[in-house]
Amino acid sequence: MTAADRAGSAPLHPREEVQYETRSFGLDVLACSRCGGRLRLIALIEQAAVIARILRHLGLPDAVPTPSPARAPPVPSRRHPDSRSDSDDVEAP
């Protein structure tokens, strides 16, 4: 699914897609992680079957992971975070 599909507007040009992701996620996907140089976008693969085949070839999982159930929110501590208990002063043998 492309950014245009999510927004419900006309499809974006691949360059616009990269710019959208850079603005949205703060990640420059065209920056080389080794040297910091600029990469060139030569293809944008959107077909799920092709993506799955590439991932399998690379030995990476091609299935969408099952989401974990949500956890309960943290329970607030009754102690003030700056306070120390008596057990903090005891040294280990």
Protein backbone atom coordinates (compact mmCIF):
# COMPACT_ATOMS: atom_id res chain seq x y z
CA MET A 1 0.00 0.00 0.00
CA THR A 2 1.45 3.32 -1.01
CA ALA A 3 1.09 6.68 0.69
CA ALA A 4 -1.40 7.70 -2.01
CA ASP A 5 -3.56 4.67 -1.21
CA ARG A 6 -3.54 5.60 2.47
CA ALA A 7 -4.45 9.20 1.75
CA GLY A 8 -7.11 8.27 -0.82
CA SER A 9 -5.64 10.62 -3.43
CA ALA A 10 -3.98 10.19 -6.82
CA PRO A 11 -0.91 7.93 -6.88
CA LEU A 12 2.39 9.60 -6.10
CA HIS A 13 5.44 9.51 -8.32
CA PRO A 14 8.15 7.35 -6.70
CA ARG A 15 10.23 10.47 -5.92
CA GLU A 16 7.22 12.05 -4.20
CA GLU A 17 6.70 8.82 -2.26
CA VAL A 18 10.28 9.02 -0.95
CA GLN A 19 9.81 12.68 -0.01
CA TYR A 20 6.55 11.80 1.78
CA GLU A 21 8.27 9.07 3.81
CA THR A 22 11.17 11.38 4.65
CA ARG A 23 8.79 14.05 5.95
CA SER A 24 6.51 11.57 7.74
CA PHE A 25 9.09 9.36 9.41
CA GLY A 26 12.16 11.60 9.53
CA LEU A 27 14.14 8.91 7.74
CA ASP A 28 16.08 9.68 4.58
CA VAL A 29 15.70 6.41 2.69
CA LEU A 30 18.02 7.60 -0.08
CA ALA A 31 21.01 8.15 2.24
CA CYS A 32 23.63 5.40 2.12
CA SER A 33 24.12 3.90 5.58
CA ARG A 34 27.79 3.16 4.83
CA CYS A 35 29.12 6.38 3.31
CA GLY A 36 26.27 8.90 3.65
CA GLY A 37 26.15 9.40 -0.14
CA ARG A 38 22.93 9.61 -2.14
CA LEU A 39 21.26 6.49 -3.50
CA ARG A 40 19.23 6.49 -6.71
CA LEU A 41 15.70 5.13 -6.83
CA ILE A 42 15.55 2.73 -9.76
CA ALA A 43 12.36 0.81 -8.99
CA LEU A 44 9.38 0.82 -6.67
CA ILE A 45 7.97 -2.66 -6.10
CA GLU A 46 4.34 -2.76 -5.02
CA GLN A 47 3.25 -6.28 -5.99
CA ALA A 48 2.94 -8.42 -2.86
CA ALA A 49 4.00 -11.63 -4.64
CA VAL A 50 7.22 -10.05 -5.93
CA ILE A 51 8.04 -8.58 -2.51
CA ALA A 52 7.45 -11.97 -0.84
CA ARG A 53 9.71 -13.70 -3.38
CA ILE A 54 12.53 -11.20 -2.76
CA LEU A 55 12.20 -11.53 1.02
CA ARG A 56 12.27 -15.34 0.81
CA HIS A 57 15.35 -15.17 -1.41
CA LEU A 58 17.08 -13.01 1.22
CA GLY A 59 16.09 -15.45 3.98
CA LEU A 60 13.76 -12.92 5.60
CA PRO A 61 10.20 -13.60 6.80
CA ASP A 62 7.58 -12.81 4.17
CA ALA A 63 4.51 -13.21 6.38
CA VAL A 64 2.93 -10.37 8.29
CA PRO A 65 3.57 -11.00 12.01
CA THR A 66 0.63 -11.66 14.27
CA PRO A 67 0.01 -8.63 16.46
CA SER A 68 0.58 -9.15 20.16
CA PRO A 69 -2.29 -8.35 22.50
CA ALA A 70 -2.21 -4.93 24.08
CA ARG A 71 -0.79 -4.75 27.57
CA ALA A 72 -2.34 -2.99 30.50
CA PRO A 73 -1.16 0.54 31.24
CA PRO A 74 1.55 0.87 33.89
CA VAL A 75 0.37 1.01 37.48
CA PRO A 76 1.40 4.29 39.09
CA SER A 77 3.79 3.97 41.97
CA ARG A 78 2.58 5.19 45.37
CA ARG A 79 6.12 6.28 46.20
CA HIS A 80 7.49 9.53 44.93
CA PRO A 81 10.19 8.73 42.33
CA ASP A 82 12.79 10.83 44.21
CA SER A 83 12.16 9.19 47.56
CA ARG A 84 14.35 6.34 48.76
CA SER A 85 13.25 3.35 50.77
CA ASP A 86 15.15 1.99 53.77
CA SER A 87 16.24 -1.01 51.70
CA ASP A 88 18.19 1.33 49.35
CA ASP A 89 20.69 1.98 52.16
CA VAL A 90 21.43 -1.72 52.84
CA GLU A 91 24.63 -2.97 51.24
CA ALA A 92 24.82 -6.41 49.72
CA PRO A 93 27.09 -8.88 51.55
